[in-house]
Amino acid sequence: MKNKKFDLELYKGTHKYYVKYRPAIPKEVIDVIVEHFDIKPIDRVLDIGCGTGQVALAMEGRCGEMVCLDPDPEMLKWAKKATKNSKIKLRWINRPVEDLRKFQKKLGTFKLATFCRSFNWVDREHVLKDLDALIEEDGGIALFGDKSLWTDEEKWQKTVKKVIQKYLGKKRRAGKDKFREPEEPYKKILIRSAFRFVKIHDVPLVRHWDVESIIGYLFSTSFATPHLFGNRLDRFKEEVKSTLLSLNPKGKFQENAVWSIVLGSRKPFR
């Protein structure tokens, strides 16, 4: 894979929706990661593609310091607001992860590097090589995320997806471009890296949505960013709302969600 250059248009206009409507990282997910890497309150964590600071919020009280990296300056602006009361020492860096090699000596080392919903957007082989010099001998990598509305299977999700496709086309968008699925499972990529000992966990949970949170979530995604709809944005919102209410007039919806966690370690897990 050629070195990717992050497209700042990818999440254009999504930031206020991202911080409010993206589902938070469940405690159970963080518990799995902390337990397997024995993360202590003195440890340092590198969060790559930190977005609006969801990992930093979820790690509160679990580590001592986090360095949070994101190429989108608007994401970092909202992340700082969201984490202003955090007791973790937080450092924010507005650079793409592909630049790590240029400034990695200034960062020190970390027990853990996290990618929450972000590993797909980076040059994976390149980044894992760079992290080899940053992760401590007893540390590793945590890749984790939930499915998006585009790929989930609830009836209401499939119906909303059809409305998006009506406005933006059949193929999934990634900002102004088309979305490309990963070429191979993350497990295979990790096995070829310094973090070759791999464990996979799934954390199921039930989530509850209403019409406002569904529309807000859509506008936080790269496949339905508000600017993609142009002057049809209000029409799209009204059609999603009417479609959802036709399925359930009370406007309440349930999702059987799963958080997938892929852990890569230098040493075999205990």
C-alpha atoms as a PDB file:
ATOM      1  CA  MET A   1       0.000   0.000   0.000  1.00  0.00           C
ATOM      2  CA  LYS A   2       1.215   3.491  -0.819  1.00  0.00           C
ATOM      3  CA  ASN A   3       1.504   5.998   1.978  1.00  0.00           C
ATOM      4  CA  LYS A   4      -1.919   7.521   2.534  1.00  0.00           C
ATOM      5  CA  LYS A   5      -2.454  11.236   2.826  1.00  0.00           C
ATOM      6  CA  PHE A   6      -5.313  12.110   5.135  1.00  0.00           C
ATOM      7  CA  ASP A   7      -8.133  13.969   3.419  1.00  0.00           C
ATOM      8  CA  LEU A   8      -9.308  16.854   5.618  1.00  0.00           C
ATOM      9  CA  GLU A   9     -12.604  16.818   3.705  1.00  0.00           C
ATOM     10  CA  LEU A  10     -13.350  13.345   5.107  1.00  0.00           C
ATOM     11  CA  TYR A  11     -15.104  14.603   8.239  1.00  0.00           C
ATOM     12  CA  LYS A  12     -15.829  18.163   7.118  1.00  0.00           C
ATOM     13  CA  GLY A  13     -18.793  19.546   9.062  1.00  0.00           C
ATOM     14  CA  THR A  14     -19.206  16.443  11.246  1.00  0.00           C
ATOM     15  CA  HIS A  15     -17.407  17.579  14.388  1.00  0.00           C
ATOM     16  CA  LYS A  16     -20.254  18.965  16.496  1.00  0.00           C
ATOM     17  CA  TYR A  17     -22.309  15.875  15.655  1.00  0.00           C
ATOM     18  CA  TYR A  18     -19.390  13.540  16.340  1.00  0.00           C
ATOM     19  CA  VAL A  19     -18.847  14.804  19.872  1.00  0.00           C
ATOM     20  CA  LYS A  20     -22.571  14.654  20.728  1.00  0.00           C
ATOM     21  CA  TYR A  21     -23.973  11.661  18.884  1.00  0.00           C
ATOM     22  CA  ARG A  22     -21.198   9.090  18.387  1.00  0.00           C
ATOM     23  CA  PRO A  23     -21.827   6.204  20.833  1.00  0.00           C
ATOM     24  CA  ALA A  24     -19.336   6.298  23.699  1.00  0.00           C
ATOM     25  CA  ILE A  25     -16.824   3.511  24.243  1.00  0.00           C
ATOM     26  CA  PRO A  26     -18.309   1.066  26.775  1.00  0.00           C
ATOM     27  CA  LYS A  27     -16.480   0.429  30.035  1.00  0.00           C
ATOM     28  CA  GLU A  28     -16.459  -3.293  29.206  1.00  0.00           C
ATOM     29  CA  VAL A  29     -14.311  -2.621  26.125  1.00  0.00           C
ATOM     30  CA  ILE A  30     -11.768  -0.589  28.081  1.00  0.00           C
ATOM     31  CA  ASP A  31     -11.739  -3.270  30.801  1.00  0.00           C
ATOM     32  CA  VAL A  32     -10.680  -5.913  28.246  1.00  0.00           C
ATOM     33  CA  ILE A  33      -7.835  -3.745  26.954  1.00  0.00           C
ATOM     34  CA  VAL A  34      -6.614  -2.633  30.393  1.00  0.00           C
ATOM     35  CA  GLU A  35      -6.684  -6.174  31.755  1.00  0.00           C
ATOM     36  CA  HIS A  36      -4.790  -7.773  28.870  1.00  0.00           C
ATOM     37  CA  PHE A  37      -2.015  -5.188  28.866  1.00  0.00           C
ATOM     38  CA  ASP A  38      -2.047  -4.668  32.642  1.00  0.00           C
ATOM     39  CA  ILE A  39      -2.395  -0.905  32.203  1.00  0.00           C
ATOM     40  CA  LYS A  40      -1.691   0.952  35.428  1.00  0.00           C
ATOM     41  CA  PRO A  41      -2.361   4.562  36.462  1.00  0.00           C
ATOM     42  CA  ILE A  42       1.307   5.386  35.825  1.00  0.00           C
ATOM     43  CA  ASP A  43       1.350   4.100  32.222  1.00  0.00           C
ATOM     44  CA  ARG A  44       1.400   6.176  29.054  1.00  0.00           C
ATOM     45  CA  VAL A  45      -0.972   5.577  26.130  1.00  0.00           C
ATOM     46  CA  LEU A  46      -0.723   6.815  22.532  1.00  0.00           C
ATOM     47  CA  ASP A  47      -4.148   7.319  20.923  1.00  0.00           C
ATOM     48  CA  ILE A  48      -4.004   7.472  17.136  1.00  0.00           C
ATOM     49  CA  GLY A  49      -6.840   9.102  15.236  1.00  0.00           C
ATOM     50  CA  CYS A  50      -8.228  10.409  18.506  1.00  0.00           C
ATOM     51  CA  GLY A  51     -11.127  12.311  16.964  1.00  0.00           C
ATOM     52  CA  THR A  52     -13.113  14.162  19.605  1.00  0.00           C
ATOM     53  CA  GLY A  53     -11.339  12.437  22.496  1.00  0.00           C
ATOM     54  CA  GLN A  54     -13.541   9.410  23.119  1.00  0.00           C
ATOM     55  CA  VAL A  55     -10.659   7.139  24.127  1.00  0.00           C
ATOM     56  CA  ALA A  56      -9.285   9.764  26.507  1.00  0.00           C
ATOM     57  CA  LEU A  57     -12.717  10.045  28.137  1.00  0.00           C
ATOM     58  CA  ALA A  58     -13.053   6.267  28.416  1.00  0.00           C
ATOM     59  CA  MET A  59      -9.547   5.873  29.867  1.00  0.00           C
ATOM     60  CA  GLU A  60     -10.154   8.335  32.697  1.00  0.00           C
ATOM     61  CA  GLY A  61      -8.570   6.921  35.863  1.00  0.00           C
ATOM     62  CA  ARG A  62      -6.979   4.011  33.986  1.00  0.00           C
ATOM     63  CA  CYS A  63      -3.652   5.558  32.865  1.00  0.00           C
ATOM     64  CA  GLY A  64      -1.480   8.506  33.806  1.00  0.00           C
ATOM     65  CA  GLU A  65      -0.780  10.189  30.493  1.00  0.00           C
ATOM     66  CA  MET A  66      -2.106  10.118  26.949  1.00  0.00           C
ATOM     67  CA  VAL A  67      -0.685  11.570  23.778  1.00  0.00           C
ATOM     68  CA  CYS A  68      -3.547  12.001  21.320  1.00  0.00           C
ATOM     69  CA  LEU A  69      -2.861  12.329  17.612  1.00  0.00           C
ATOM     70  CA  ASP A  70      -5.211  13.489  14.853  1.00  0.00           C
ATOM     71  CA  PRO A  71      -4.627  15.197  11.488  1.00  0.00           C
ATOM     72  CA  ASP A  72      -7.892  17.153  11.710  1.00  0.00           C
ATOM     73  CA  PRO A  73      -7.474  20.366  13.768  1.00  0.00           C
ATOM     74  CA  GLU A  74     -11.223  20.744  14.219  1.00  0.00           C
ATOM     75  CA  MET A  75     -11.422  17.294  15.829  1.00  0.00           C
ATOM     76  CA  LEU A  76      -8.752  18.313  18.339  1.00  0.00           C
ATOM     77  CA  LYS A  77     -10.582  21.551  19.151  1.00  0.00           C
ATOM     78  CA  TRP A  78     -13.670  19.596  20.145  1.00  0.00           C
ATOM     79  CA  ALA A  79     -11.598  16.926  21.935  1.00  0.00           C
ATOM     80  CA  LYS A  80     -10.011  19.537  24.185  1.00  0.00           C
ATOM     81  CA  LYS A  81     -13.449  20.855  25.127  1.00  0.00           C
ATOM     82  CA  ALA A  82     -14.798  17.373  25.822  1.00  0.00           C
ATOM     83  CA  THR A  83     -11.867  16.422  28.073  1.00  0.00           C
ATOM     84  CA  LYS A  84     -11.312  19.726  29.878  1.00  0.00           C
ATOM     85  CA  ASN A  85     -12.067  18.137  33.272  1.00  0.00           C
ATOM     86  CA  SER A  86      -9.875  15.065  32.745  1.00  0.00           C
ATOM     87  CA  LYS A  87      -7.364  14.169  35.438  1.00  0.00           C
ATOM     88  CA  ILE A  88      -5.183  12.370  32.884  1.00  0.00           C
ATOM     89  CA  LYS A  89      -2.221  14.342  31.581  1.00  0.00           C
ATOM     90  CA  LEU A  90      -3.246  14.959  27.966  1.00  0.00           C
ATOM     91  CA  ARG A  91      -1.142  16.130  25.047  1.00  0.00           C
ATOM     92  CA  TRP A  92      -2.730  16.844  21.658  1.00  0.00           C
ATOM     93  CA  ILE A  93      -0.777  16.643  18.402  1.00  0.00           C
ATOM     94  CA  ASN A  94      -2.226  17.835  15.097  1.00  0.00           C
ATOM     95  CA  ARG A  95      -0.286  15.595  12.711  1.00  0.00           C
ATOM     96  CA  PRO A  96      -1.086  12.537  10.573  1.00  0.00           C
ATOM     97  CA  VAL A  97       0.189   9.297  12.068  1.00  0.00           C
ATOM     98  CA  GLU A  98       2.267   8.704   8.932  1.00  0.00           C
ATOM     99  CA  ASP A  99       4.508  11.548  10.203  1.00  0.00           C
ATOM    100  CA  LEU A 100       5.325   9.666  13.412  1.00  0.00           C
ATOM    101  CA  ARG A 101       8.873   8.886  12.339  1.00  0.00           C
ATOM    102  CA  LYS A 102       9.620  12.608  12.025  1.00  0.00           C
ATOM    103  CA  PHE A 103       8.922  13.363  15.674  1.00  0.00           C
ATOM    104  CA  GLN A 104       8.827  10.022  17.489  1.00  0.00           C
ATOM    105  CA  LYS A 105      12.029  10.718  19.461  1.00  0.00           C
ATOM    106  CA  LYS A 106      10.228  13.591  21.212  1.00  0.00           C
ATOM    107  CA  LEU A 107       7.378  11.355  22.347  1.00  0.00           C
ATOM    108  CA  GLY A 108       9.113   8.808  24.574  1.00  0.00           C
ATOM    109  CA  THR A 109       7.696   5.302  24.849  1.00  0.00           C
ATOM    110  CA  PHE A 110       4.237   3.966  25.597  1.00  0.00           C
ATOM    111  CA  LYS A 111       2.679   0.878  27.121  1.00  0.00           C
ATOM    112  CA  LEU A 112      -0.105   0.910  24.562  1.00  0.00           C
ATOM    113  CA  ALA A 113      -1.183   2.427  21.244  1.00  0.00           C
ATOM    114  CA  THR A 114      -4.926   2.604  20.611  1.00  0.00           C
ATOM    115  CA  PHE A 115      -6.878   2.919  17.375  1.00  0.00           C
ATOM    116  CA  CYS A 116     -10.595   3.394  17.972  1.00  0.00           C
ATOM    117  CA  ARG A 117     -12.508   3.344  14.682  1.00  0.00           C
ATOM    118  CA  SER A 118      -9.362   4.693  13.028  1.00  0.00           C
ATOM    119  CA  PHE A 119      -7.098   1.859  11.832  1.00  0.00           C
ATOM    120  CA  ASN A 120      -8.843   1.706   8.466  1.00  0.00           C
ATOM    121  CA  TRP A 121      -7.874   5.307   7.678  1.00  0.00           C
ATOM    122  CA  VAL A 122      -4.097   4.870   8.055  1.00  0.00           C
ATOM    123  CA  ASP A 123      -1.271   3.232   6.119  1.00  0.00           C
ATOM    124  CA  ARG A 124      -1.363   0.180   8.376  1.00  0.00           C
ATOM    125  CA  GLU A 125       1.943  -1.548   7.523  1.00  0.00           C
ATOM    126  CA  HIS A 126       3.862   1.749   7.653  1.00  0.00           C
ATOM    127  CA  VAL A 127       2.351   2.806  10.982  1.00  0.00           C
ATOM    128  CA  LEU A 128       2.990  -0.542  12.692  1.00  0.00           C
ATOM    129  CA  LYS A 129       6.659  -0.360  11.707  1.00  0.00           C
ATOM    130  CA  ASP A 130       6.941   3.107  13.238  1.00  0.00           C
ATOM    131  CA  LEU A 131       5.192   1.985  16.429  1.00  0.00           C
ATOM    132  CA  ASP A 132       7.800  -0.732  16.916  1.00  0.00           C
ATOM    133  CA  ALA A 133      10.161   1.958  18.243  1.00  0.00           C
ATOM    134  CA  LEU A 134       7.537   3.544  20.504  1.00  0.00           C
ATOM    135  CA  ILE A 135       5.876   0.628  22.301  1.00  0.00           C
ATOM    136  CA  GLU A 136       7.511  -0.897  25.375  1.00  0.00           C
ATOM    137  CA  GLU A 137       8.509  -4.552  25.497  1.00  0.00           C
ATOM    138  CA  ASP A 138       5.504  -5.566  27.584  1.00  0.00           C
ATOM    139  CA  GLY A 139       3.091  -3.383  25.600  1.00  0.00           C
ATOM    140  CA  GLY A 140       1.130  -3.586  22.405  1.00  0.00           C
ATOM    141  CA  ILE A 141      -1.632  -2.356  20.119  1.00  0.00           C
ATOM    142  CA  ALA A 142      -5.416  -2.222  20.600  1.00  0.00           C
ATOM    143  CA  LEU A 143      -7.671  -1.887  17.544  1.00  0.00           C
ATOM    144  CA  PHE A 144     -11.340  -1.562  18.417  1.00  0.00           C
ATOM    145  CA  GLY A 145     -14.616  -0.301  17.076  1.00  0.00           C
ATOM    146  CA  ASP A 146     -18.262  -0.992  16.424  1.00  0.00           C
ATOM    147  CA  LYS A 147     -20.015  -1.402  13.097  1.00  0.00           C
ATOM    148  CA  SER A 148     -21.540   1.623  11.403  1.00  0.00           C
ATOM    149  CA  LEU A 149     -25.165   2.070  10.432  1.00  0.00           C
ATOM    150  CA  TRP A 150     -24.078   1.308   6.877  1.00  0.00           C
ATOM    151  CA  THR A 151     -23.074  -2.256   7.766  1.00  0.00           C
ATOM    152  CA  ASP A 152     -25.461  -3.119  10.621  1.00  0.00           C
ATOM    153  CA  GLU A 153     -28.417  -5.413  10.158  1.00  0.00           C
ATOM    154  CA  GLU A 154     -31.405  -4.016  12.059  1.00  0.00           C
ATOM    155  CA  LYS A 155     -34.449  -3.372   9.855  1.00  0.00           C
ATOM    156  CA  TRP A 156     -34.481   0.339  10.680  1.00  0.00           C
ATOM    157  CA  GLN A 157     -30.784   0.639   9.833  1.00  0.00           C
ATOM    158  CA  LYS A 158     -31.213  -1.016   6.440  1.00  0.00           C
ATOM    159  CA  THR A 159     -34.156   1.270   5.704  1.00  0.00           C
ATOM    160  CA  VAL A 160     -32.201   4.422   6.588  1.00  0.00           C
ATOM    161  CA  LYS A 161     -29.289   3.183   4.460  1.00  0.00           C
ATOM    162  CA  LYS A 162     -31.638   3.074   1.452  1.00  0.00           C
ATOM    163  CA  VAL A 163     -32.547   6.720   2.047  1.00  0.00           C
ATOM    164  CA  ILE A 164     -28.834   7.657   2.096  1.00  0.00           C
ATOM    165  CA  GLN A 165     -28.288   5.714  -1.134  1.00  0.00           C
ATOM    166  CA  LYS A 166     -31.197   7.549  -2.754  1.00  0.00           C
ATOM    167  CA  TYR A 167     -29.370  10.849  -2.193  1.00  0.00           C
ATOM    168  CA  LEU A 168     -25.696   9.871  -2.449  1.00  0.00           C
ATOM    169  CA  GLY A 169     -25.587   6.745  -4.583  1.00  0.00           C
ATOM    170  CA  LYS A 170     -25.423   3.015  -3.967  1.00  0.00           C
ATOM    171  CA  LYS A 171     -21.756   2.846  -3.016  1.00  0.00           C
ATOM    172  CA  ARG A 172     -20.651   3.931   0.425  1.00  0.00           C
ATOM    173  CA  ARG A 173     -19.024   7.335   0.501  1.00  0.00           C
ATOM    174  CA  ALA A 174     -15.901   8.390   2.391  1.00  0.00           C
ATOM    175  CA  GLY A 175     -16.267  12.142   2.164  1.00  0.00           C
ATOM    176  CA  LYS A 176     -15.916  13.134  -1.494  1.00  0.00           C
ATOM    177  CA  ASP A 177     -14.477   9.703  -2.406  1.00  0.00           C
ATOM    178  CA  LYS A 178     -15.758   6.140  -2.277  1.00  0.00           C
ATOM    179  CA  PHE A 179     -15.081   3.966   0.771  1.00  0.00           C
ATOM    180  CA  ARG A 180     -12.591   1.119   0.347  1.00  0.00           C
ATOM    181  CA  GLU A 181     -12.819  -1.940   2.550  1.00  0.00           C
ATOM    182  CA  PRO A 182      -9.576  -3.169   4.202  1.00  0.00           C
ATOM    183  CA  GLU A 183      -7.738  -5.577   1.931  1.00  0.00           C
ATOM    184  CA  GLU A 184      -7.355  -8.191   4.688  1.00  0.00           C
ATOM    185  CA  PRO A 185      -8.335  -8.811   8.308  1.00  0.00           C
ATOM    186  CA  TYR A 186      -6.505  -6.765  10.918  1.00  0.00           C
ATOM    187  CA  LYS A 187      -5.349  -9.965  12.587  1.00  0.00           C
ATOM    188  CA  LYS A 188      -3.252 -10.921   9.544  1.00  0.00           C
ATOM    189  CA  ILE A 189      -1.680  -7.476   9.404  1.00  0.00           C
ATOM    190  CA  LEU A 190      -0.704  -7.617  13.078  1.00  0.00           C
ATOM    191  CA  ILE A 191       0.757 -11.104  12.777  1.00  0.00           C
ATOM    192  CA  ARG A 192       3.266  -9.766  10.232  1.00  0.00           C
ATOM    193  CA  SER A 193       4.274  -6.924  12.570  1.00  0.00           C
ATOM    194  CA  ALA A 194       6.228  -6.639  15.817  1.00  0.00           C
ATOM    195  CA  PHE A 195       2.887  -7.180  17.584  1.00  0.00           C
ATOM    196  CA  ARG A 196       2.392 -10.698  16.279  1.00  0.00           C
ATOM    197  CA  PHE A 197       0.679 -12.276  19.274  1.00  0.00           C
ATOM    198  CA  VAL A 198      -2.989 -11.580  18.674  1.00  0.00           C
ATOM    199  CA  LYS A 199      -6.183 -11.924  20.691  1.00  0.00           C
ATOM    200  CA  ILE A 200      -9.676 -11.071  19.496  1.00  0.00           C
ATOM    201  CA  HIS A 201     -12.653 -10.216  21.682  1.00  0.00           C
ATOM    202  CA  ASP A 202     -16.243  -9.252  20.959  1.00  0.00           C
ATOM    203  CA  VAL A 203     -18.280  -7.225  23.443  1.00  0.00           C
ATOM    204  CA  PRO A 204     -22.026  -7.350  22.645  1.00  0.00           C
ATOM    205  CA  LEU A 205     -24.408  -4.704  23.925  1.00  0.00           C
ATOM    206  CA  VAL A 206     -27.856  -3.259  23.294  1.00  0.00           C
ATOM    207  CA  ARG A 207     -28.126   0.400  22.275  1.00  0.00           C
ATOM    208  CA  HIS A 208     -31.228   2.566  22.190  1.00  0.00           C
ATOM    209  CA  TRP A 209     -31.808   5.313  19.653  1.00  0.00           C
ATOM    210  CA  ASP A 210     -34.374   7.965  18.833  1.00  0.00           C
ATOM    211  CA  VAL A 211     -34.903   9.971  15.639  1.00  0.00           C
ATOM    212  CA  GLU A 212     -32.686  12.872  16.744  1.00  0.00           C
ATOM    213  CA  SER A 213     -29.759  10.669  17.761  1.00  0.00           C
ATOM    214  CA  ILE A 214     -29.947   8.645  14.521  1.00  0.00           C
ATOM    215  CA  ILE A 215     -29.854  11.750  12.334  1.00  0.00           C
ATOM    216  CA  GLY A 216     -27.128  13.278  14.508  1.00  0.00           C
ATOM    217  CA  TYR A 217     -25.113  10.073  14.221  1.00  0.00           C
ATOM    218  CA  LEU A 218     -25.458  10.045  10.434  1.00  0.00           C
ATOM    219  CA  PHE A 219     -24.056  13.570  10.242  1.00  0.00           C
ATOM    220  CA  SER A 220     -21.026  12.416  12.272  1.00  0.00           C
ATOM    221  CA  THR A 221     -20.019   9.863   9.636  1.00  0.00           C
ATOM    222  CA  SER A 222     -17.802  10.092   6.580  1.00  0.00           C
ATOM    223  CA  PHE A 223     -20.554   8.481   4.454  1.00  0.00           C
ATOM    224  CA  ALA A 224     -23.230  11.068   5.302  1.00  0.00           C
ATOM    225  CA  THR A 225     -21.375  14.286   6.114  1.00  0.00           C
ATOM    226  CA  PRO A 226     -23.790  17.225   5.892  1.00  0.00           C
ATOM    227  CA  HIS A 227     -21.965  18.981   3.042  1.00  0.00           C
ATOM    228  CA  LEU A 228     -22.437  15.981   0.724  1.00  0.00           C
ATOM    229  CA  PHE A 229     -26.163  16.747   0.489  1.00  0.00           C
ATOM    230  CA  GLY A 230     -25.753  20.359  -0.639  1.00  0.00           C
ATOM    231  CA  ASN A 231     -29.106  22.162  -0.772  1.00  0.00           C
ATOM    232  CA  ARG A 232     -30.944  18.864  -0.238  1.00  0.00           C
ATOM    233  CA  LEU A 233     -29.814  18.501   3.382  1.00  0.00           C
ATOM    234  CA  ASP A 234     -33.125  19.560   4.970  1.00  0.00           C
ATOM    235  CA  ARG A 235     -35.054  17.350   2.560  1.00  0.00           C
ATOM    236  CA  PHE A 236     -32.830  14.401   3.485  1.00  0.00           C
ATOM    237  CA  LYS A 237     -33.357  15.014   7.228  1.00  0.00           C
ATOM    238  CA  GLU A 238     -37.121  15.126   6.806  1.00  0.00           C
ATOM    239  CA  GLU A 239     -37.134  11.950   4.724  1.00  0.00           C
ATOM    240  CA  VAL A 240     -35.056  10.053   7.300  1.00  0.00           C
ATOM    241  CA  LYS A 241     -37.388  11.292  10.044  1.00  0.00           C
ATOM    242  CA  SER A 242     -40.590  10.335   8.204  1.00  0.00           C
ATOM    243  CA  THR A 243     -39.103   6.961   7.223  1.00  0.00           C
ATOM    244  CA  LEU A 244     -38.194   6.143  10.822  1.00  0.00           C
ATOM    245  CA  LEU A 245     -41.573   7.236  12.167  1.00  0.00           C
ATOM    246  CA  SER A 246     -43.302   5.041   9.574  1.00  0.00           C
ATOM    247  CA  LEU A 247     -41.432   2.089  11.102  1.00  0.00           C
ATOM    248  CA  ASN A 248     -42.179   3.110  14.685  1.00  0.00           C
ATOM    249  CA  PRO A 249     -44.471   6.098  15.353  1.00  0.00           C
ATOM    250  CA  LYS A 250     -42.961   6.438  18.838  1.00  0.00           C
ATOM    251  CA  GLY A 251     -39.573   7.095  17.256  1.00  0.00           C
ATOM    252  CA  LYS A 252     -37.717   4.591  19.455  1.00  0.00           C
ATOM    253  CA  PHE A 253     -35.305   2.015  18.064  1.00  0.00           C
ATOM    254  CA  GLN A 254     -33.045  -0.729  19.388  1.00  0.00           C
ATOM    255  CA  GLU A 255     -29.713  -1.994  18.102  1.00  0.00           C
ATOM    256  CA  ASN A 256     -27.952  -5.224  19.012  1.00  0.00           C
ATOM    257  CA  ALA A 257     -24.414  -3.927  18.627  1.00  0.00           C
ATOM    258  CA  VAL A 258     -20.997  -5.547  18.947  1.00  0.00           C
ATOM    259  CA  TRP A 259     -17.667  -3.899  19.741  1.00  0.00           C
ATOM    260  CA  SER A 260     -14.828  -5.837  18.123  1.00  0.00           C
ATOM    261  CA  ILE A 261     -11.394  -5.699  19.783  1.00  0.00           C
ATOM    262  CA  VAL A 262      -8.157  -6.901  18.167  1.00  0.00           C
ATOM    263  CA  LEU A 263      -5.131  -6.881  20.480  1.00  0.00           C
ATOM    264  CA  GLY A 264      -1.555  -7.270  19.284  1.00  0.00           C
ATOM    265  CA  SER A 265       1.302  -7.853  21.708  1.00  0.00           C
ATOM    266  CA  ARG A 266       5.064  -8.324  21.485  1.00  0.00           C
ATOM    267  CA  LYS A 267       4.843 -11.251  23.893  1.00  0.00           C
ATOM    268  CA  PRO A 268       2.309 -14.066  24.260  1.00  0.00           C
ATOM    269  CA  PHE A 269      -0.710 -13.094  26.319  1.00  0.00           C
ATOM    270  CA  ARG A 270      -1.003 -14.701  29.706  1.00  0.00           C
END
